[in-house]
C-alpha atoms as a PDB file:
ATOM      1  CA  MET A   1       5.011   8.978  -0.698  1.00  0.00           C
ATOM      2  CA  ALA A   2       4.842   9.490  -4.467  1.00  0.00           C
ATOM      3  CA  ALA A   3       8.597  10.094  -4.711  1.00  0.00           C
ATOM      4  CA  LEU A   4       9.391   7.117  -2.484  1.00  0.00           C
ATOM      5  CA  GLU A   5       7.158   4.721  -4.418  1.00  0.00           C
ATOM      6  CA  ASP A   6       8.599   5.895  -7.713  1.00  0.00           C
ATOM      7  CA  ALA A   7      12.230   5.525  -6.680  1.00  0.00           C
ATOM      8  CA  HIS A   8      12.486   2.746  -4.104  1.00  0.00           C
ATOM      9  CA  PRO A   9      13.636  -0.600  -5.600  1.00  0.00           C
ATOM     10  CA  TRP A  10      11.287  -2.591  -3.349  1.00  0.00           C
ATOM     11  CA  THR A  11       8.098  -0.855  -4.493  1.00  0.00           C
ATOM     12  CA  ARG A  12       9.120  -1.126  -8.157  1.00  0.00           C
ATOM     13  CA  SER A  13       9.912  -4.812  -7.742  1.00  0.00           C
ATOM     14  CA  MET A  14       6.629  -5.605  -5.973  1.00  0.00           C
ATOM     15  CA  ARG A  15       4.643  -3.985  -8.784  1.00  0.00           C
ATOM     16  CA  ALA A  16       6.613  -5.859 -11.443  1.00  0.00           C
ATOM     17  CA  LEU A  17       6.228  -9.189  -9.630  1.00  0.00           C
ATOM     18  CA  THR A  18       2.497  -8.719  -9.104  1.00  0.00           C
ATOM     19  CA  LEU A  19       1.882  -7.849 -12.753  1.00  0.00           C
ATOM     20  CA  SER A  20       3.902 -10.829 -13.972  1.00  0.00           C
ATOM     21  CA  LEU A  21       1.989 -13.185 -11.647  1.00  0.00           C
ATOM     22  CA  LEU A  22      -1.367 -11.835 -12.834  1.00  0.00           C
ATOM     23  CA  LYS A  23      -0.297 -12.469 -16.411  1.00  0.00           C
ATOM     24  CA  ALA A  24       0.993 -15.959 -15.551  1.00  0.00           C
ATOM     25  CA  HIS A  25      -2.356 -16.833 -13.965  1.00  0.00           C
ATOM     26  CA  GLY A  26      -4.394 -15.886 -16.975  1.00  0.00           C
ATOM     27  CA  LEU A  27      -5.136 -12.167 -16.916  1.00  0.00           C
ATOM     28  CA  ARG A  28      -5.412 -10.818 -20.448  1.00  0.00           C
ATOM     29  CA  GLN A  29      -5.292  -7.523 -22.292  1.00  0.00           C
ATOM     30  CA  ALA A  30      -8.205  -5.102 -21.886  1.00  0.00           C
ATOM     31  CA  SER A  31      -9.058  -6.476 -18.441  1.00  0.00           C
ATOM     32  CA  ALA A  32     -10.968  -4.181 -16.079  1.00  0.00           C
ATOM     33  CA  VAL A  33      -9.045  -3.490 -12.859  1.00  0.00           C
ATOM     34  CA  LEU A  34      -9.688  -2.007  -9.423  1.00  0.00           C
ATOM     35  CA  ASP A  35      -6.818  -0.932  -7.178  1.00  0.00           C
ATOM     36  CA  ALA A  36      -8.197  -0.907  -3.620  1.00  0.00           C
ATOM     37  CA  GLY A  37      -5.792   1.395  -1.831  1.00  0.00           C
ATOM     38  CA  CYS A  38      -4.371   3.003  -4.960  1.00  0.00           C
ATOM     39  CA  GLY A  39      -2.356   5.682  -3.152  1.00  0.00           C
ATOM     40  CA  THR A  40      -0.568   7.865  -5.657  1.00  0.00           C
ATOM     41  CA  GLY A  41      -1.519   5.697  -8.644  1.00  0.00           C
ATOM     42  CA  LEU A  42       1.710   3.895  -9.553  1.00  0.00           C
ATOM     43  CA  PHE A  43       0.227   0.409  -9.771  1.00  0.00           C
ATOM     44  CA  LEU A  44      -2.605   1.677 -11.972  1.00  0.00           C
ATOM     45  CA  ARG A  45      -0.063   3.388 -14.226  1.00  0.00           C
ATOM     46  CA  ASP A  46       1.992   0.208 -14.579  1.00  0.00           C
ATOM     47  CA  PHE A  47      -1.126  -1.934 -15.038  1.00  0.00           C
ATOM     48  CA  ARG A  48      -2.267   0.356 -17.858  1.00  0.00           C
ATOM     49  CA  ASP A  49       1.116   0.049 -19.561  1.00  0.00           C
ATOM     50  CA  THR A  50       0.996  -3.773 -19.253  1.00  0.00           C
ATOM     51  CA  PHE A  51      -2.653  -4.657 -19.911  1.00  0.00           C
ATOM     52  CA  ALA A  52      -4.256  -1.613 -21.616  1.00  0.00           C
ATOM     53  CA  PRO A  53      -7.382  -2.061 -19.454  1.00  0.00           C
ATOM     54  CA  SER A  54     -10.901  -1.451 -20.684  1.00  0.00           C
ATOM     55  CA  LEU A  55     -11.719   0.057 -17.284  1.00  0.00           C
ATOM     56  CA  GLU A  56      -9.410   1.146 -14.495  1.00  0.00           C
ATOM     57  CA  ALA A  57     -10.547   2.380 -11.113  1.00  0.00           C
ATOM     58  CA  GLY A  58      -8.877   3.192  -7.829  1.00  0.00           C
ATOM     59  CA  ILE A  59     -10.099   3.897  -4.318  1.00  0.00           C
ATOM     60  CA  ASP A  60      -8.255   5.095  -1.247  1.00  0.00           C
ATOM     61  CA  PHE A  61      -9.375   5.978   2.250  1.00  0.00           C
ATOM     62  CA  ALA A  62      -6.532   8.527   2.359  1.00  0.00           C
ATOM     63  CA  TRP A  63      -8.261  10.713  -0.202  1.00  0.00           C
ATOM     64  CA  PRO A  64      -5.508  13.443  -0.344  1.00  0.00           C
ATOM     65  CA  ALA A  65      -3.448  10.960  -2.405  1.00  0.00           C
ATOM     66  CA  LEU A  66      -6.053  10.913  -5.174  1.00  0.00           C
ATOM     67  CA  PRO A  67      -5.135  14.236  -6.858  1.00  0.00           C
ATOM     68  CA  VAL A  68      -1.587  12.886  -7.233  1.00  0.00           C
ATOM     69  CA  ALA A  69      -2.961   9.644  -8.676  1.00  0.00           C
ATOM     70  CA  ALA A  70      -5.059  11.652 -11.124  1.00  0.00           C
ATOM     71  CA  HIS A  71      -1.859  13.017 -12.686  1.00  0.00           C
ATOM     72  CA  ARG A  72      -0.439   9.500 -13.162  1.00  0.00           C
ATOM     73  CA  THR A  73      -3.480   7.692 -14.540  1.00  0.00           C
ATOM     74  CA  SER A  74      -6.801   8.234 -16.270  1.00  0.00           C
ATOM     75  CA  ALA A  75      -8.537   5.870 -13.828  1.00  0.00           C
ATOM     76  CA  LEU A  76     -11.863   6.524 -12.176  1.00  0.00           C
ATOM     77  CA  LEU A  77     -10.863   7.521  -8.616  1.00  0.00           C
ATOM     78  CA  ALA A  78     -12.880   7.733  -5.415  1.00  0.00           C
ATOM     79  CA  GLY A  79     -12.340   8.241  -1.715  1.00  0.00           C
ATOM     80  CA  ALA A  80     -13.678   5.020  -0.190  1.00  0.00           C
ATOM     81  CA  SER A  81     -12.824   2.107   2.099  1.00  0.00           C
ATOM     82  CA  ALA A  82     -11.932  -1.379   0.868  1.00  0.00           C
ATOM     83  CA  ASP A  83     -14.674  -2.909   3.031  1.00  0.00           C
ATOM     84  CA  ALA A  84     -17.427  -0.861   1.333  1.00  0.00           C
ATOM     85  CA  LEU A  85     -16.590  -0.636  -2.362  1.00  0.00           C
ATOM     86  CA  PRO A  86     -18.783   1.757  -4.413  1.00  0.00           C
ATOM     87  CA  PHE A  87     -19.072  -0.583  -7.408  1.00  0.00           C
ATOM     88  CA  ARG A  88     -21.605  -3.062  -8.756  1.00  0.00           C
ATOM     89  CA  ASP A  89     -21.230  -6.807  -8.474  1.00  0.00           C
ATOM     90  CA  GLY A  90     -19.014  -8.357 -11.141  1.00  0.00           C
ATOM     91  CA  SER A  91     -17.510  -5.105 -12.393  1.00  0.00           C
ATOM     92  CA  PHE A  92     -13.831  -6.130 -12.651  1.00  0.00           C
ATOM     93  CA  ASP A  93     -11.540  -8.830 -14.005  1.00  0.00           C
ATOM     94  CA  ALA A  94      -8.875  -8.072 -11.393  1.00  0.00           C
ATOM     95  CA  VAL A  95      -8.655  -6.439  -7.979  1.00  0.00           C
ATOM     96  CA  HIS A  96      -5.311  -5.370  -6.517  1.00  0.00           C
ATOM     97  CA  SER A  97      -4.700  -4.337  -2.922  1.00  0.00           C
ATOM     98  CA  ALA A  98      -1.223  -3.758  -1.497  1.00  0.00           C
ATOM     99  CA  ASP A  99      -0.348  -3.083   2.144  1.00  0.00           C
ATOM    100  CA  VAL A 100      -3.902  -2.077   3.009  1.00  0.00           C
ATOM    101  CA  LEU A 101      -5.662  -4.888   4.866  1.00  0.00           C
ATOM    102  CA  GLN A 102      -3.257  -4.977   7.825  1.00  0.00           C
ATOM    103  CA  HIS A 103      -4.142  -1.350   8.522  1.00  0.00           C
ATOM    104  CA  MET A 104      -7.877  -2.061   8.796  1.00  0.00           C
ATOM    105  CA  THR A 105      -9.746  -3.670  11.666  1.00  0.00           C
ATOM    106  CA  ILE A 106      -9.341  -7.445  11.676  1.00  0.00           C
ATOM    107  CA  ALA A 107     -13.049  -7.898  10.884  1.00  0.00           C
ATOM    108  CA  GLY A 108     -12.905  -5.123   8.280  1.00  0.00           C
ATOM    109  CA  ALA A 109     -10.045  -6.836   6.458  1.00  0.00           C
ATOM    110  CA  LEU A 110     -12.129 -10.000   6.037  1.00  0.00           C
ATOM    111  CA  GLU A 111     -15.079  -7.912   4.872  1.00  0.00           C
ATOM    112  CA  ALA A 112     -12.780  -6.252   2.331  1.00  0.00           C
ATOM    113  CA  MET A 113     -11.878  -9.674   0.929  1.00  0.00           C
ATOM    114  CA  ARG A 114     -15.602 -10.421   0.609  1.00  0.00           C
ATOM    115  CA  GLU A 115     -16.025  -7.105  -1.196  1.00  0.00           C
ATOM    116  CA  PHE A 116     -13.196  -7.999  -3.584  1.00  0.00           C
ATOM    117  CA  ARG A 117     -15.023 -11.253  -4.303  1.00  0.00           C
ATOM    118  CA  ARG A 118     -18.302  -9.399  -4.887  1.00  0.00           C
ATOM    119  CA  VAL A 119     -16.971  -6.890  -7.424  1.00  0.00           C
ATOM    120  CA  LEU A 120     -15.004  -9.488  -9.394  1.00  0.00           C
ATOM    121  CA  LYS A 121     -16.432 -11.280 -12.403  1.00  0.00           C
ATOM    122  CA  PRO A 122     -16.570 -15.102 -12.337  1.00  0.00           C
ATOM    123  CA  GLY A 123     -13.005 -16.299 -12.800  1.00  0.00           C
ATOM    124  CA  GLY A 124     -11.618 -12.899 -11.791  1.00  0.00           C
ATOM    125  CA  LEU A 125      -8.299 -12.553  -9.981  1.00  0.00           C
ATOM    126  CA  ALA A 126      -7.374 -10.830  -6.726  1.00  0.00           C
ATOM    127  CA  ALA A 127      -3.745  -9.843  -6.152  1.00  0.00           C
ATOM    128  CA  LEU A 128      -3.035  -9.087  -2.493  1.00  0.00           C
ATOM    129  CA  ARG A 129       0.114  -7.928  -0.768  1.00  0.00           C
ATOM    130  CA  LEU A 130       0.083  -7.990   3.031  1.00  0.00           C
ATOM    131  CA  ARG A 131       2.306  -7.846   6.069  1.00  0.00           C
ATOM    132  CA  ALA A 132       3.548 -11.312   7.023  1.00  0.00           C
ATOM    133  CA  THR A 133       4.204 -12.635  10.501  1.00  0.00           C
ATOM    134  CA  ARG A 134       7.877 -12.698  11.399  1.00  0.00           C
ATOM    135  CA  ARG A 135       9.862 -15.867  11.992  1.00  0.00           C
ATOM    136  CA  LEU A 136      12.700 -14.909  14.338  1.00  0.00           C
ATOM    137  CA  ILE A 137      11.420 -11.865  16.225  1.00  0.00           C
ATOM    138  CA  PRO A 138       7.706 -12.255  17.015  1.00  0.00           C
ATOM    139  CA  ASN A 139       5.253  -9.610  15.886  1.00  0.00           C
ATOM    140  CA  ALA A 140       3.381  -7.591  18.447  1.00  0.00           C
ATOM    141  CA  PRO A 141      -0.037  -9.140  19.187  1.00  0.00           C
ATOM    142  CA  ASP A 142      -2.578  -8.601  16.395  1.00  0.00           C
ATOM    143  CA  VAL A 143      -4.889  -5.677  17.068  1.00  0.00           C
ATOM    144  CA  ASP A 144      -7.241  -3.647  14.903  1.00  0.00           C
ATOM    145  CA  PHE A 145      -5.349  -1.418  12.451  1.00  0.00           C
ATOM    146  CA  ASP A 146      -2.049  -3.245  13.074  1.00  0.00           C
ATOM    147  CA  HIS A 147      -1.978  -6.971  12.343  1.00  0.00           C
ATOM    148  CA  ALA A 148      -0.113  -9.530  10.222  1.00  0.00           C
ATOM    149  CA  TYR A 149      -0.869 -12.754   8.350  1.00  0.00           C
ATOM    150  CA  SER A 150       0.697 -16.175   8.258  1.00  0.00           C
ATOM    151  CA  GLU A 151       0.335 -18.311   5.141  1.00  0.00           C
ATOM    152  CA  THR A 152      -2.265 -20.403   6.977  1.00  0.00           C
ATOM    153  CA  SER A 153      -4.341 -17.476   8.240  1.00  0.00           C
ATOM    154  CA  LEU A 154      -4.354 -15.736   4.852  1.00  0.00           C
ATOM    155  CA  ARG A 155      -5.333 -18.899   3.012  1.00  0.00           C
ATOM    156  CA  SER A 156      -8.153 -19.438   5.514  1.00  0.00           C
ATOM    157  CA  ALA A 157      -9.402 -15.855   5.186  1.00  0.00           C
ATOM    158  CA  LEU A 158      -9.407 -16.017   1.390  1.00  0.00           C
ATOM    159  CA  SER A 159     -11.252 -19.330   1.454  1.00  0.00           C
ATOM    160  CA  THR A 160     -13.836 -17.882   3.850  1.00  0.00           C
ATOM    161  CA  ALA A 161     -14.324 -14.951   1.468  1.00  0.00           C
ATOM    162  CA  GLY A 162     -14.992 -17.364  -1.414  1.00  0.00           C
ATOM    163  CA  PHE A 163     -11.632 -17.460  -3.210  1.00  0.00           C
ATOM    164  CA  GLN A 164      -9.478 -20.260  -4.553  1.00  0.00           C
ATOM    165  CA  VAL A 165      -5.823 -19.555  -3.780  1.00  0.00           C
ATOM    166  CA  LEU A 166      -3.561 -19.952  -6.839  1.00  0.00           C
ATOM    167  CA  PHE A 167      -0.313 -18.495  -5.474  1.00  0.00           C
ATOM    168  CA  LEU A 168       0.699 -17.659  -1.911  1.00  0.00           C
ATOM    169  CA  ARG A 169       4.338 -17.046  -1.023  1.00  0.00           C
ATOM    170  CA  ARG A 170       6.512 -15.004   1.290  1.00  0.00           C
ATOM    171  CA  VAL A 171       8.629 -12.529  -0.675  1.00  0.00           C
ATOM    172  CA  ASN A 172      11.506 -10.143   0.034  1.00  0.00           C
ATOM    173  CA  VAL A 173      13.283 -13.028   1.753  1.00  0.00           C
ATOM    174  CA  LEU A 174      16.909 -11.926   2.265  1.00  0.00           C
ATOM    175  CA  PRO A 175      16.191  -8.256   3.118  1.00  0.00           C
ATOM    176  CA  SER A 176      13.599  -9.438   5.667  1.00  0.00           C
ATOM    177  CA  LEU A 177      16.066 -11.861   7.231  1.00  0.00           C
ATOM    178  CA  ALA A 178      18.701  -9.129   7.409  1.00  0.00           C
ATOM    179  CA  ALA A 179      16.191  -6.783   9.027  1.00  0.00           C
ATOM    180  CA  GLU A 180      15.418  -9.310  11.748  1.00  0.00           C
ATOM    181  CA  LEU A 181      19.070 -10.099  12.454  1.00  0.00           C
ATOM    182  CA  THR A 182      20.354  -6.517  12.365  1.00  0.00           C
ATOM    183  CA  TYR A 183      17.546  -4.291  13.581  1.00  0.00           C
ATOM    184  CA  ALA A 184      18.035  -0.594  12.903  1.00  0.00           C
ATOM    185  CA  PRO A 185      15.602   2.098  14.052  1.00  0.00           C
ATOM    186  CA  PRO A 186      13.739   4.068  11.373  1.00  0.00           C
ATOM    187  CA  ASP A 187      15.532   7.078   9.952  1.00  0.00           C
ATOM    188  CA  PRO A 188      14.067  10.057  11.865  1.00  0.00           C
ATOM    189  CA  ASP A 189      14.726  12.371   8.905  1.00  0.00           C
ATOM    190  CA  ALA A 190      12.991  10.126   6.369  1.00  0.00           C
ATOM    191  CA  PRO A 191       9.779  11.593   4.959  1.00  0.00           C
ATOM    192  CA  VAL A 192       7.696   8.377   4.826  1.00  0.00           C
ATOM    193  CA  LYS A 193       7.614   5.335   7.148  1.00  0.00           C
ATOM    194  CA  GLY A 194      11.185   5.915   8.297  1.00  0.00           C
ATOM    195  CA  ILE A 195      12.519   5.034   4.814  1.00  0.00           C
ATOM    196  CA  ALA A 196      15.157   7.296   3.318  1.00  0.00           C
ATOM    197  CA  LEU A 197      14.887   8.504  -0.271  1.00  0.00           C
ATOM    198  CA  ARG A 198      18.033   7.594  -2.200  1.00  0.00           C
ATOM    199  CA  SER A 199      19.456   8.766  -5.493  1.00  0.00           C
ATOM    200  CA  GLU A 200      19.079   6.669  -8.636  1.00  0.00           C
ATOM    201  CA  GLY A 201      22.738   5.612  -8.556  1.00  0.00           C
ATOM    202  CA  ASP A 202      22.851   4.745  -4.851  1.00  0.00           C
ATOM    203  CA  ALA A 203      24.975   1.610  -4.305  1.00  0.00           C
ATOM    204  CA  ARG A 204      22.625   0.013  -1.759  1.00  0.00           C
ATOM    205  CA  GLY A 205      19.709   0.609  -4.098  1.00  0.00           C
ATOM    206  CA  LYS A 206      21.549  -1.094  -6.962  1.00  0.00           C
ATOM    207  CA  VAL A 207      22.319  -4.148  -4.831  1.00  0.00           C
ATOM    208  CA  LEU A 208      18.706  -4.375  -3.641  1.00  0.00           C
ATOM    209  CA  SER A 209      17.415  -4.000  -7.209  1.00  0.00           C
ATOM    210  CA  ALA A 210      19.669  -6.815  -8.407  1.00  0.00           C
ATOM    211  CA  TYR A 211      18.593  -9.139  -5.608  1.00  0.00           C
ATOM    212  CA  LEU A 212      14.884  -8.419  -6.109  1.00  0.00           C
ATOM    213  CA  ALA A 213      15.183  -9.061  -9.847  1.00  0.00           C
ATOM    214  CA  PHE A 214      16.732 -12.448  -9.040  1.00  0.00           C
ATOM    215  CA  GLU A 215      13.967 -13.202  -6.517  1.00  0.00           C
ATOM    216  CA  ARG A 216      11.244 -12.308  -9.045  1.00  0.00           C
ATOM    217  CA  GLY A 217      12.681 -14.783 -11.523  1.00  0.00           C
ATOM    218  CA  TRP A 218      13.023 -17.433  -8.820  1.00  0.00           C
ATOM    219  CA  LEU A 219       9.381 -17.028  -7.745  1.00  0.00           C
ATOM    220  CA  ARG A 220       8.040 -16.970 -11.303  1.00  0.00           C
ATOM    221  CA  ALA A 221       9.881 -20.235 -11.946  1.00  0.00           C
ATOM    222  CA  GLY A 222       8.073 -21.820  -8.989  1.00  0.00           C
ATOM    223  CA  MET A 223      11.281 -22.580  -7.104  1.00  0.00           C
ATOM    224  CA  PRO A 224      11.086 -23.245  -3.336  1.00  0.00           C
ATOM    225  CA  THR A 225      11.928 -20.493  -0.866  1.00  0.00           C
ATOM    226  CA  PRO A 226      12.558 -20.513   2.886  1.00  0.00           C
ATOM    227  CA  GLY A 227       9.606 -19.551   5.063  1.00  0.00           C
ATOM    228  CA  VAL A 228      11.044 -16.112   5.716  1.00  0.00           C
ATOM    229  CA  GLY A 229       9.905 -12.775   4.389  1.00  0.00           C
ATOM    230  CA  HIS A 230       7.969  -9.916   5.902  1.00  0.00           C
ATOM    231  CA  THR A 231       5.615  -9.703   2.912  1.00  0.00           C
ATOM    232  CA  LEU A 232       2.974 -12.155   1.706  1.00  0.00           C
ATOM    233  CA  LEU A 233       1.863 -12.055  -1.914  1.00  0.00           C
ATOM    234  CA  ALA A 234      -1.263 -13.924  -2.956  1.00  0.00           C
ATOM    235  CA  ILE A 235      -3.113 -14.472  -6.236  1.00  0.00           C
ATOM    236  CA  ALA A 236      -6.624 -15.831  -5.736  1.00  0.00           C
ATOM    237  CA  LYS A 237      -9.471 -16.648  -8.128  1.00  0.00           C
ATOM    238  CA  THR A 238     -13.224 -16.330  -7.768  1.00  0.00           C
END
């Protein structure tokens, strides 16, 4: 997982886009941050390089990832669930959670959003990345530990949890459309999630990197996008 997240163009692009959106919506230097589902610590590392936080913390239910994260960041790390955060009210300026909530129970995901609201300071920002419902090939029915969000359902959940939505868009548009039109089974030899690790100079990786850089600029400029994309990215304010 650590090697994949370090090398894959998609994970690098999602971190860069999230950080730029947090900055665009008012997050400042020396902000305190919590990464709920920090995995191997790459977002915390990049956040530190961008914002020089006064406090950085990460939690993950998959606690074996935390020793890896400890080598990447000086953050306070704990094995915990996003729906029961071990922090006081109003501890953070920003909470980040990427590809976590869809793997919780449906009720637990909403409780996690309430927990994000609780640990944020007034005016704090939540940056969420979640699985989006598909457009062409329907998702399997939503069940606990495997569900997806539409723009409407995510906006409603964030509002219920006490947030004001500032940004909510589908991202990764063209690769998602290609995936729906030309389905390929996961690579059985891939170490993580059926995704193959590729070398730095891999041609497909270069093309994907170039497209994602273009898409980041397009989104930051506020330009319209088609309602396609298997990933939802939201910035919400307390």
